[in-house]
Amino acid sequence: MALLRKAYENFRERASSELKEEFTTFCQSKAYWLEDYALFMALKDNQGGKSWNQWEPELAHRKQEALEKVVCGFQGRFFPEIPAI
C-alpha cells in the first residue's frame, strides 16, 4: 500500500489540471463498476490476497455489517481525506 499511497500523492501534487480532469471524467464514466472493483481489491488485500470464495463468509456474501466494519478500518488509515461512512 505504500507504493499506492506514493502514487496517489504524486498525482495529487503534480498532475496537470488536464490530467486531473481526465481522471475525474474516467471515474465518473466508469462509476458503475469502479467502486465495486475498488472495494473488491481492498477486501482481497485485507484477506491476505485469497480468492473471494476463501474469504470470511460474511465478506464473501457482502453482508452489510461485515463490509462496514472492514471499510471503516480502511478509512483514515490510507487516505485520511476520505470522509468516514
Protein backbone atom coordinates (compact mmCIF):
# COMPACT_ATOMS: atom_id res chain seq x y z
CA MET A 1 0.00 0.00 0.00
CA ALA A 2 2.96 2.32 0.45
CA LEU A 3 3.52 2.41 -3.30
CA LEU A 4 -0.15 3.17 -3.96
CA ARG A 5 -0.05 5.96 -1.40
CA LYS A 6 3.07 7.43 -3.03
CA ALA A 7 1.47 7.27 -6.49
CA TYR A 8 -1.67 8.96 -5.17
CA GLU A 9 0.30 11.76 -3.50
CA ASN A 10 2.40 12.26 -6.63
CA PHE A 11 -0.72 12.51 -8.79
CA ARG A 12 -2.45 14.88 -6.38
CA GLU A 13 0.56 17.19 -6.13
CA ARG A 14 1.99 17.09 -9.65
CA ALA A 15 -0.67 16.13 -12.19
CA SER A 16 -1.75 18.83 -14.59
CA SER A 17 -5.29 20.21 -14.43
CA GLU A 18 -5.97 18.47 -17.71
CA LEU A 19 -4.87 15.09 -16.38
CA LYS A 20 -6.91 15.54 -13.20
CA GLU A 21 -9.95 16.40 -15.31
CA GLU A 22 -9.41 13.29 -17.45
CA PHE A 23 -9.15 11.19 -14.31
CA THR A 24 -12.38 12.66 -12.94
CA THR A 25 -14.13 12.00 -16.25
CA PHE A 26 -12.85 8.41 -16.23
CA CYS A 27 -14.08 7.85 -12.66
CA GLN A 28 -17.49 9.28 -13.47
CA SER A 29 -17.90 7.32 -16.70
CA LYS A 30 -16.84 4.05 -15.05
CA ALA A 31 -18.62 4.59 -11.72
CA TYR A 32 -20.98 1.69 -12.46
CA TRP A 33 -18.13 -0.77 -11.80
CA LEU A 34 -15.19 1.20 -10.39
CA GLU A 35 -16.36 1.48 -6.78
CA ASP A 36 -17.21 -2.23 -6.60
CA TYR A 37 -13.81 -3.09 -8.06
CA ALA A 38 -12.01 -0.84 -5.59
CA LEU A 39 -13.94 -2.42 -2.71
CA PHE A 40 -13.16 -5.90 -4.02
CA MET A 41 -9.44 -5.18 -4.29
CA ALA A 42 -9.33 -3.62 -0.81
CA LEU A 43 -11.15 -6.63 0.64
CA LYS A 44 -8.86 -9.03 -1.22
CA ASP A 45 -5.84 -7.25 0.26
CA ASN A 46 -7.48 -7.35 3.70
CA GLN A 47 -8.00 -11.11 3.29
CA GLY A 48 -4.35 -11.75 2.52
CA GLY A 49 -4.79 -11.97 -1.26
CA LYS A 50 -7.02 -15.05 -1.06
CA SER A 51 -9.65 -15.77 -3.68
CA TRP A 52 -13.06 -14.31 -2.72
CA ASN A 53 -14.51 -17.78 -2.18
CA GLN A 54 -11.96 -18.33 0.61
CA TRP A 55 -12.83 -15.11 2.49
CA GLU A 56 -14.82 -14.97 5.68
CA PRO A 57 -18.38 -15.89 4.59
CA GLU A 58 -19.86 -12.57 5.75
CA LEU A 59 -17.49 -10.68 3.45
CA ALA A 60 -17.80 -13.09 0.54
CA HIS A 61 -21.58 -12.69 0.66
CA ARG A 62 -21.30 -8.91 1.04
CA LYS A 63 -23.12 -8.72 4.37
CA GLN A 64 -23.53 -5.02 5.07
CA GLU A 65 -22.37 -5.13 8.70
CA ALA A 66 -19.18 -7.02 7.83
CA LEU A 67 -18.41 -4.68 4.92
CA GLU A 68 -18.94 -1.59 7.06
CA LYS A 69 -16.64 -2.93 9.76
CA VAL A 70 -13.80 -3.58 7.31
CA VAL A 71 -14.30 -0.38 5.30
CA CYS A 72 -14.31 1.76 8.44
CA GLY A 73 -10.96 0.20 9.29
CA PHE A 74 -9.61 1.29 5.90
CA GLN A 75 -10.70 4.89 6.16
CA GLY A 76 -8.24 7.16 7.79
CA ARG A 77 -5.52 4.52 7.65
CA PHE A 78 -4.68 5.03 3.99
CA PHE A 79 -6.45 8.19 2.89
CA PRO A 80 -7.43 10.42 5.83
CA GLU A 81 -9.08 12.90 3.47
CA ILE A 82 -11.79 10.33 2.64
CA PRO A 83 -14.82 11.11 4.80
CA ALA A 84 -15.92 8.37 7.17
CA ILE A 85 -19.13 6.48 6.44
